[in-house]
C-alpha atoms as a PDB file:
ATOM      1  CA  MET A   1       0.851 -12.741  12.267  1.00  0.00           C
ATOM      2  CA  ARG A   2      -2.795 -12.870  13.223  1.00  0.00           C
ATOM      3  CA  GLY A   3      -4.744  -9.680  12.724  1.00  0.00           C
ATOM      4  CA  VAL A   4      -2.145  -8.227  10.343  1.00  0.00           C
ATOM      5  CA  THR A   5      -2.386  -7.965   6.558  1.00  0.00           C
ATOM      6  CA  HIS A   6       0.913  -7.527   4.696  1.00  0.00           C
ATOM      7  CA  VAL A   7       0.915  -5.893   1.255  1.00  0.00           C
ATOM      8  CA  VAL A   8       4.196  -6.303  -0.653  1.00  0.00           C
ATOM      9  CA  ASP A   9       5.515  -6.742  -4.194  1.00  0.00           C
ATOM     10  CA  PHE A  10       2.875  -4.816  -6.099  1.00  0.00           C
ATOM     11  CA  HIS A  11       3.001  -2.348  -8.960  1.00  0.00           C
ATOM     12  CA  LEU A  12       0.689   0.576  -9.661  1.00  0.00           C
ATOM     13  CA  ALA A  13       0.810   1.656 -13.300  1.00  0.00           C
ATOM     14  CA  ALA A  14      -0.921   4.967 -12.512  1.00  0.00           C
ATOM     15  CA  ASP A  15      -1.712   7.051  -9.424  1.00  0.00           C
ATOM     16  CA  GLU A  16      -5.412   6.484 -10.107  1.00  0.00           C
ATOM     17  CA  GLU A  17      -4.945   2.828  -9.196  1.00  0.00           C
ATOM     18  CA  THR A  18      -4.107   3.805  -5.600  1.00  0.00           C
ATOM     19  CA  ALA A  19      -7.760   4.107  -4.589  1.00  0.00           C
ATOM     20  CA  LEU A  20      -8.582   0.740  -6.168  1.00  0.00           C
ATOM     21  CA  LEU A  21      -5.753  -0.992  -4.314  1.00  0.00           C
ATOM     22  CA  LEU A  22      -6.681   0.653  -1.010  1.00  0.00           C
ATOM     23  CA  ALA A  23     -10.327  -0.397  -1.441  1.00  0.00           C
ATOM     24  CA  ALA A  24      -9.328  -3.982  -2.218  1.00  0.00           C
ATOM     25  CA  VAL A  25      -7.039  -4.149   0.816  1.00  0.00           C
ATOM     26  CA  GLN A  26      -9.730  -2.629   3.060  1.00  0.00           C
ATOM     27  CA  ALA A  27     -12.226  -5.240   1.830  1.00  0.00           C
ATOM     28  CA  HIS A  28      -9.695  -7.997   2.509  1.00  0.00           C
ATOM     29  CA  THR A  29      -8.953  -6.747   6.033  1.00  0.00           C
ATOM     30  CA  ALA A  30     -12.671  -6.508   6.826  1.00  0.00           C
ATOM     31  CA  ASP A  31     -13.263 -10.076   5.579  1.00  0.00           C
ATOM     32  CA  HIS A  32     -10.280 -11.464   7.517  1.00  0.00           C
ATOM     33  CA  GLY A  33     -10.471  -9.455  10.745  1.00  0.00           C
ATOM     34  CA  SER A  34      -7.175  -7.662  10.299  1.00  0.00           C
ATOM     35  CA  ALA A  35      -6.702  -4.671  12.579  1.00  0.00           C
ATOM     36  CA  THR A  36      -3.369  -3.675  11.033  1.00  0.00           C
ATOM     37  CA  VAL A  37      -2.117  -3.346   7.462  1.00  0.00           C
ATOM     38  CA  ARG A  38       1.621  -3.241   6.802  1.00  0.00           C
ATOM     39  CA  TRP A  39       2.672  -1.975   3.386  1.00  0.00           C
ATOM     40  CA  GLU A  40       6.069  -2.237   1.780  1.00  0.00           C
ATOM     41  CA  THR A  41       6.186   0.502  -0.822  1.00  0.00           C
ATOM     42  CA  ASN A  42       8.119   3.456  -2.105  1.00  0.00           C
ATOM     43  CA  ASN A  43       5.086   4.792  -4.030  1.00  0.00           C
ATOM     44  CA  PRO A  44       4.709   8.444  -2.925  1.00  0.00           C
ATOM     45  CA  GLN A  45       1.038   8.671  -3.967  1.00  0.00           C
ATOM     46  CA  LEU A  46       0.113   5.617  -1.915  1.00  0.00           C
ATOM     47  CA  ILE A  47       2.078   6.849   1.103  1.00  0.00           C
ATOM     48  CA  HIS A  48       0.442  10.294   0.892  1.00  0.00           C
ATOM     49  CA  THR A  49      -3.062   8.863   0.516  1.00  0.00           C
ATOM     50  CA  ALA A  50      -2.608   6.371   3.345  1.00  0.00           C
ATOM     51  CA  VAL A  51      -1.210   8.971   5.751  1.00  0.00           C
ATOM     52  CA  GLU A  52      -3.552  11.846   4.852  1.00  0.00           C
ATOM     53  CA  HIS A  53      -6.800   9.934   4.377  1.00  0.00           C
ATOM     54  CA  HIS A  54      -6.473   6.669   6.307  1.00  0.00           C
ATOM     55  CA  ASP A  55      -4.685   7.681   9.521  1.00  0.00           C
ATOM     56  CA  ALA A  56      -1.604   5.642   8.576  1.00  0.00           C
ATOM     57  CA  THR A  57       1.894   6.037   9.948  1.00  0.00           C
ATOM     58  CA  ALA A  58       4.862   5.919   7.558  1.00  0.00           C
ATOM     59  CA  THR A  59       8.140   4.351   8.655  1.00  0.00           C
ATOM     60  CA  SER A  60      11.269   4.318   6.502  1.00  0.00           C
ATOM     61  CA  TYR A  61      13.939   1.650   6.484  1.00  0.00           C
ATOM     62  CA  ASP A  62      16.810   0.660   4.239  1.00  0.00           C
ATOM     63  CA  ASN A  63      16.562  -2.233   1.811  1.00  0.00           C
ATOM     64  CA  LEU A  64      19.651  -4.418   1.645  1.00  0.00           C
ATOM     65  CA  TYR A  65      20.543  -6.482  -1.404  1.00  0.00           C
ATOM     66  CA  ARG A  66      23.445  -8.828  -2.002  1.00  0.00           C
ATOM     67  CA  PHE A  67      24.392  -7.956  -5.562  1.00  0.00           C
ATOM     68  CA  ASN A  68      28.158  -8.184  -5.227  1.00  0.00           C
ATOM     69  CA  PRO A  69      29.698  -8.867  -1.790  1.00  0.00           C
ATOM     70  CA  SER A  70      33.258  -8.326  -3.078  1.00  0.00           C
ATOM     71  CA  LEU A  71      32.307  -4.879  -4.413  1.00  0.00           C
ATOM     72  CA  LEU A  72      30.722  -3.988  -1.062  1.00  0.00           C
ATOM     73  CA  ALA A  73      33.911  -5.087   0.700  1.00  0.00           C
ATOM     74  CA  ALA A  74      35.969  -2.903  -1.654  1.00  0.00           C
ATOM     75  CA  TYR A  75      33.986   0.067  -0.325  1.00  0.00           C
ATOM     76  CA  GLY A  76      34.346  -1.068   3.285  1.00  0.00           C
ATOM     77  CA  VAL A  77      30.749  -2.230   3.621  1.00  0.00           C
ATOM     78  CA  ALA A  78      30.124  -5.547   5.355  1.00  0.00           C
ATOM     79  CA  PRO A  79      27.952  -7.814   3.238  1.00  0.00           C
ATOM     80  CA  PRO A  80      24.363  -7.904   4.560  1.00  0.00           C
ATOM     81  CA  SER A  81      24.647 -11.643   5.217  1.00  0.00           C
ATOM     82  CA  GLU A  82      27.149 -10.882   7.984  1.00  0.00           C
ATOM     83  CA  ARG A  83      24.784  -8.385   9.624  1.00  0.00           C
ATOM     84  CA  LEU A  84      21.401  -9.873   8.742  1.00  0.00           C
ATOM     85  CA  SER A  85      20.848 -11.683  12.048  1.00  0.00           C
ATOM     86  CA  GLU A  86      21.237  -8.366  13.898  1.00  0.00           C
ATOM     87  CA  LEU A  87      18.708  -6.510  11.751  1.00  0.00           C
ATOM     88  CA  PRO A  88      14.891  -6.538  11.925  1.00  0.00           C
ATOM     89  CA  LEU A  89      14.863  -7.998   8.409  1.00  0.00           C
ATOM     90  CA  HIS A  90      14.819 -11.364   6.711  1.00  0.00           C
ATOM     91  CA  GLU A  91      15.776 -12.508   3.252  1.00  0.00           C
ATOM     92  CA  THR A  92      13.106 -14.407   1.351  1.00  0.00           C
ATOM     93  CA  ALA A  93      14.198 -17.764   0.044  1.00  0.00           C
ATOM     94  CA  THR A  94      12.528 -17.496  -3.360  1.00  0.00           C
ATOM     95  CA  THR A  95      13.447 -13.982  -4.467  1.00  0.00           C
ATOM     96  CA  SER A  96      16.273 -12.888  -2.170  1.00  0.00           C
ATOM     97  CA  ASP A  97      14.223  -9.791  -1.297  1.00  0.00           C
ATOM     98  CA  VAL A  98      14.971  -8.376   2.140  1.00  0.00           C
ATOM     99  CA  LEU A  99      11.762  -7.729   4.061  1.00  0.00           C
ATOM    100  CA  PRO A 100      10.812  -6.678   7.612  1.00  0.00           C
ATOM    101  CA  ARG A 101      10.733  -9.607  10.057  1.00  0.00           C
END
């Protein structure tokens, strides 16, 4: 997507690293003309900082993983592969992570 920077699969060892990551992403977006940054995170400090100090909007969604389709079926849950085409998600080929489309 042009004009969009995606930030996924990162780890912050301490809350203090939040500001460093935000600064690096802001520098990247300025250099590349991105008007939008989409984050995939469950880090509460990053979410709080982005919303409170950077006018961000937080949106929640469920992550789906295919650990054991037969176990899911035992609980009456359709395996994600059967529903994936209907969801606004895609499964990455290299890691099997399920990410927003």
